[in-house]
Protein backbone atom coordinates (compact mmCIF):
# COMPACT_ATOMS: atom_id res chain seq x y z
CA MET A 1 -4.52 23.07 9.89
CA LEU A 2 -6.57 21.34 12.71
CA GLU A 3 -6.53 23.76 15.71
CA VAL A 4 -6.43 22.23 19.26
CA PHE A 5 -8.20 23.88 22.25
CA ILE A 6 -7.58 22.78 25.90
CA CYS A 7 -9.93 24.07 28.63
CA GLU A 8 -8.95 22.76 32.01
CA ASP A 9 -9.14 24.83 35.26
CA ASP A 10 -6.51 22.82 37.23
CA PRO A 11 -3.18 24.54 36.12
CA GLN A 12 -1.08 21.38 36.74
CA GLN A 13 -3.45 19.16 34.80
CA ARG A 14 -3.76 21.66 32.04
CA SER A 15 -0.06 21.89 31.77
CA GLN A 16 0.30 18.18 31.61
CA ILE A 17 -2.31 17.76 28.89
CA THR A 18 -0.78 20.60 26.95
CA LYS A 19 2.42 18.83 27.07
CA TYR A 20 1.05 15.52 25.83
CA VAL A 21 -0.60 17.29 22.95
CA SER A 22 2.25 19.43 21.96
CA ASP A 23 4.92 16.68 22.31
CA TYR A 24 2.85 14.51 20.04
CA ILE A 25 2.24 17.11 17.40
CA MET A 26 5.94 17.72 17.22
CA ILE A 27 7.01 13.93 17.20
CA GLU A 28 4.61 13.24 14.48
CA ASN A 29 4.92 16.40 12.55
CA LEU A 30 1.23 16.86 12.37
CA ASP A 31 -0.54 19.67 10.64
CA MET A 32 -2.00 20.75 13.93
CA LYS A 33 -1.52 23.56 16.53
CA ILE A 34 -2.57 24.32 20.04
CA VAL A 35 -4.19 27.84 19.72
CA VAL A 36 -5.85 28.14 23.04
CA SER A 37 -4.87 26.34 26.54
CA THR A 38 -6.84 28.03 29.25
CA GLY A 39 -8.78 27.66 32.45
CA ASN A 40 -11.43 30.00 31.29
CA SER A 41 -14.14 28.91 28.82
CA GLU A 42 -14.69 32.35 27.35
CA ASP A 43 -11.16 32.31 25.93
CA VAL A 44 -12.28 29.44 23.70
CA ILE A 45 -15.52 31.15 22.65
CA ASP A 46 -13.88 34.40 22.02
CA TYR A 47 -11.34 32.68 19.64
CA LEU A 48 -14.18 30.94 17.77
CA ARG A 49 -16.20 34.12 17.35
CA ASN A 50 -13.32 35.67 15.57
CA ASN A 51 -12.08 32.83 13.45
CA GLN A 52 -13.19 29.98 11.16
CA VAL A 53 -12.21 26.88 12.88
CA THR A 54 -12.01 23.10 12.45
CA GLY A 55 -10.90 22.09 16.01
CA LEU A 56 -10.07 19.39 18.35
CA TYR A 57 -11.31 20.32 21.88
CA PHE A 58 -10.15 18.76 25.15
CA LEU A 59 -12.61 19.93 27.79
CA ASP A 60 -12.68 19.45 31.61
CA VAL A 61 -16.31 18.74 32.45
CA ASP A 62 -16.13 20.20 35.86
CA LEU A 63 -14.84 23.78 35.26
CA LYS A 64 -14.97 25.95 38.38
CA GLU A 65 -17.32 28.46 36.61
CA ASP A 66 -21.04 28.94 36.06
CA LYS A 67 -20.54 26.95 32.63
CA SER A 68 -19.85 23.22 32.80
CA GLY A 69 -17.43 21.62 30.18
CA ILE A 70 -20.50 20.14 28.56
CA ALA A 71 -22.29 23.42 28.30
CA LEU A 72 -19.15 24.78 26.63
CA GLY A 73 -19.35 21.88 24.30
CA ALA A 74 -22.78 22.82 23.23
CA GLU A 75 -21.68 26.31 22.60
CA ILE A 76 -18.74 25.27 20.59
CA ARG A 77 -20.97 23.42 18.48
CA GLN A 78 -22.63 26.69 17.46
CA TYR A 79 -19.35 27.86 15.92
CA ASP A 80 -17.69 24.61 14.83
CA ASN A 81 -20.15 21.85 13.82
CA GLN A 82 -17.38 19.63 12.52
CA GLY A 83 -15.00 19.69 15.38
CA ALA A 84 -14.03 16.87 17.68
CA ILE A 85 -14.98 17.29 21.24
CA VAL A 86 -13.33 15.08 24.02
CA PHE A 87 -14.46 15.45 27.57
CA ILE A 88 -11.92 14.79 30.46
CA THR A 89 -13.66 14.26 33.70
CA THR A 90 -13.62 12.83 37.27
CA HIS A 91 -17.38 12.43 37.08
CA SER A 92 -18.09 9.86 34.46
CA GLU A 93 -21.71 9.65 35.71
CA LEU A 94 -22.24 13.30 34.12
CA THR A 95 -21.68 12.01 30.66
CA TYR A 96 -25.41 11.55 30.21
CA LEU A 97 -25.58 15.42 30.12
CA THR A 98 -23.95 15.24 26.65
CA PHE A 99 -27.40 14.09 25.39
CA THR A 100 -29.31 16.73 27.34
CA TYR A 101 -27.14 19.40 25.66
CA LYS A 102 -27.12 17.49 22.29
CA VAL A 103 -23.31 17.52 22.15
CA GLU A 104 -21.64 14.69 19.92
CA ALA A 105 -18.45 13.85 21.94
CA MET A 106 -15.74 11.69 20.28
CA ASP A 107 -14.45 10.46 23.54
CA TYR A 108 -14.74 10.62 27.39
CA ILE A 109 -11.34 10.34 29.31
CA THR A 110 -11.76 9.60 33.04
CA LYS A 111 -9.20 11.16 35.34
CA ASP A 112 -8.49 8.12 37.62
CA LYS A 113 -5.50 5.95 38.43
CA PHE A 114 -6.69 3.07 35.89
CA THR A 115 -6.76 5.54 32.88
CA ASP A 116 -3.64 5.97 30.72
CA ILE A 117 -4.62 9.59 30.02
CA GLN A 118 -1.65 10.25 27.63
CA ARG A 119 -2.40 7.25 25.55
CA ARG A 120 -6.02 8.18 25.36
CA ILE A 121 -5.24 11.85 24.38
CA ILE A 122 -2.84 10.40 21.65
CA ASP A 123 -5.57 8.05 20.27
CA CYS A 124 -8.07 11.15 20.09
CA ILE A 125 -5.45 13.19 18.27
CA ASP A 126 -4.91 10.47 15.86
CA THR A 127 -8.62 9.96 15.21
CA ALA A 128 -9.23 13.65 14.86
CA ASN A 129 -6.43 14.13 12.41
CA GLN A 130 -7.52 11.14 10.22
CA ARG A 131 -11.16 12.64 10.11
CA TYR A 132 -9.70 16.11 9.20
CA LEU A 133 -7.54 14.68 6.50
CA MET A 134 -10.39 12.75 4.95
CA ASN A 135 -12.59 15.75 4.80
CA LYS A 136 -9.84 17.85 3.47
CA HIS A 137 -9.05 15.71 0.57
CA SER A 138 -12.60 14.80 -0.25
CA ASN A 139 -14.81 16.68 -2.75
CA ARG A 140 -16.85 18.05 -0.05
CA LYS A 141 -16.92 21.76 -0.14
CA VAL A 142 -18.43 23.96 2.57
CA PHE A 143 -19.83 27.54 2.33
CA GLN A 144 -18.86 29.57 5.28
CA THR A 145 -20.14 32.80 6.34
CA LYS A 146 -20.75 34.84 9.50
CA SER A 147 -24.34 35.38 10.72
CA GLY A 148 -24.56 37.63 13.76
CA ASP A 149 -21.58 36.59 16.02
CA LYS A 150 -21.65 32.93 14.76
CA MET A 151 -19.72 31.20 11.86
CA ILE A 152 -22.01 29.13 9.88
CA GLY A 153 -21.02 26.24 7.49
CA VAL A 154 -23.31 24.74 4.82
CA ASP A 155 -22.24 22.00 2.36
CA TYR A 156 -22.49 23.35 -1.26
CA SER A 157 -24.36 20.16 -2.06
CA ASP A 158 -27.13 21.22 0.53
CA ILE A 159 -27.43 24.76 -0.94
CA LEU A 160 -30.76 25.39 -2.90
CA PHE A 161 -30.65 29.06 -3.77
CA PHE A 162 -29.78 32.54 -2.50
CA GLU A 163 -32.14 35.48 -2.45
CA THR A 164 -31.75 39.11 -1.57
CA SER A 165 -33.34 40.06 1.80
CA SER A 166 -35.71 42.72 2.68
CA GLN A 167 -32.81 44.01 4.98
CA LEU A 168 -30.32 46.28 3.06
CA HIS A 169 -27.09 44.41 2.03
CA LYS A 170 -28.42 41.05 3.23
CA ILE A 171 -28.65 37.68 1.55
CA ILE A 172 -30.84 34.70 2.67
CA LEU A 173 -29.32 31.36 1.98
CA HIS A 174 -31.94 28.53 1.49
CA ALA A 175 -30.58 25.15 2.25
CA THR A 176 -32.29 21.72 2.34
CA ASN A 177 -32.59 21.95 6.17
CA ARG A 178 -32.01 25.58 7.21
CA GLN A 179 -32.05 29.18 6.25
CA VAL A 180 -29.12 31.64 7.06
CA GLU A 181 -29.31 35.38 6.62
CA PHE A 182 -25.95 37.10 6.27
CA TYR A 183 -24.30 40.39 4.84
CA GLY A 184 -23.35 39.92 1.05
CA LYS A 185 -23.68 40.60 -2.49
CA LEU A 186 -25.30 38.04 -5.18
CA LYS A 187 -22.56 38.93 -7.70
CA ASP A 188 -20.04 37.54 -5.29
CA ILE A 189 -21.88 34.49 -4.69
CA LEU A 190 -21.88 33.84 -8.45
CA GLU A 191 -18.10 33.92 -8.49
CA MET A 192 -17.79 31.31 -5.73
CA ASP A 193 -18.81 28.25 -7.81
CA SER A 194 -19.84 27.12 -11.21
CA ARG A 195 -22.96 25.41 -10.06
CA PHE A 196 -24.48 28.84 -8.96
CA TYR A 197 -26.65 30.49 -11.71
CA ARG A 198 -28.02 33.85 -11.75
CA CYS A 199 -31.81 33.23 -12.45
CA HIS A 200 -33.37 36.61 -11.36
CA ASN A 201 -31.96 40.03 -10.17
CA SER A 202 -32.88 38.85 -6.69
CA TYR A 203 -31.96 35.17 -6.83
CA VAL A 204 -29.05 32.91 -7.50
CA VAL A 205 -29.91 29.08 -7.71
CA ASN A 206 -27.74 25.97 -7.36
CA LYS A 207 -28.10 24.41 -10.72
CA ASP A 208 -27.47 20.85 -9.17
CA ASN A 209 -30.51 21.09 -6.93
CA ILE A 210 -33.13 22.01 -9.55
CA ALA A 211 -35.80 19.46 -10.06
CA GLU A 212 -37.83 21.22 -12.72
CA VAL A 213 -38.61 24.48 -14.30
CA ASP A 214 -42.07 25.80 -15.16
CA MET A 215 -41.42 28.33 -17.95
CA SER A 216 -44.95 29.74 -18.04
CA LYS A 217 -44.90 30.48 -14.27
CA ARG A 218 -41.17 31.33 -14.24
CA GLU A 219 -40.85 29.08 -11.10
CA ILE A 220 -37.95 26.72 -10.28
CA ARG A 221 -38.86 23.81 -8.23
CA MET A 222 -35.98 22.62 -6.16
CA THR A 223 -35.31 19.02 -5.26
CA ASN A 224 -36.98 19.32 -1.90
CA GLY A 225 -40.03 20.99 -3.30
CA GLN A 226 -39.23 24.62 -2.49
CA ILE A 227 -39.70 27.19 -5.13
CA CYS A 228 -37.15 29.72 -6.37
CA TYR A 229 -38.21 32.40 -9.04
CA ALA A 230 -36.67 33.25 -12.52
CA SER A 231 -37.01 36.20 -14.69
CA SER A 232 -37.73 36.20 -18.24
CA ARG A 233 -34.28 37.45 -19.08
CA PHE A 234 -32.68 34.35 -17.68
CA LEU A 235 -35.05 31.81 -18.70
CA LYS A 236 -33.22 30.64 -21.73
CA GLY A 237 -30.19 29.66 -19.66
CA LEU A 238 -32.36 27.87 -17.33
CA LYS A 239 -33.87 25.92 -20.25
CA ASP A 240 -30.35 24.80 -21.44
CA ILE A 241 -29.42 23.76 -17.71
CA VAL A 242 -32.59 21.52 -17.45
CA GLN A 243 -32.11 20.04 -20.85
CA HIS A 244 -28.49 18.87 -19.96
C-alpha cells in the first residue's frame, strides 16, 4: 500500500488537501491510505521511525516551526528514499533550496489563484501510484533493515556480501556504493534469497556479484573489485558456482 502524508500548518488548508486526497482515493479505489495529516513535522518523522514506508508526501514549504518543509523533505529521504515528495508553497522562489538540501521533488504546487490545486494534487497521486505499481510488479527486490533509528533499503542486486561485525550480534552489509551495519544473524540472511551463499563462518556472499574466485588464496573478488573471503570448507561450493 502507498501511504500518504500531509504536513501543512494551516488547519483550513490541511483539511482541504486531506479532503482532495481522501476523496480521490475513495472514488478511484486506489491501494493508498492517508496515515498522517498534521501541522507538526515530527508527527511524520515519528511515523517513519517506526514503520517501513513507501510514501507520497505533500509538504508545506513554509511550516511555522524551526524546520522548513524542504528540510523535512531531506529528513524524510533518510527513511524513505523511494517516496514521492510534493511541495506546496506560496514561495515558489524557495524551490532552489531543494538542490541545497538534495531533495528530489516530484512536483511543486503553488498556492495562488491561478493554480488548480485539486487538479495538481490528483495528477501527483496518479503519477506516484503508477510508479508504485511499476516497482511493486517488477522483479526489483529490496533488502530492508533498521540501522540505528533509520530504515535502510538496498536493492538485492547491489548487495555484494555480508560479514559479521566486531560488535556482538551485528552484521555489516557491503553493497556496491555503501556499507550498512545492523543487528542480525548470518543464518537468517541465508534464508532470505537463493542468491546468498555461506562462503565462510563469518561471510555470506551474493553469488550474482562474484567476478572470480582465487582458490589458492581463498579470496572472492566481487564485481566492483572488493574482496570477500572463503574458508576451505566452502570452496567446493564456490567452484561449482563460478563454473556455472
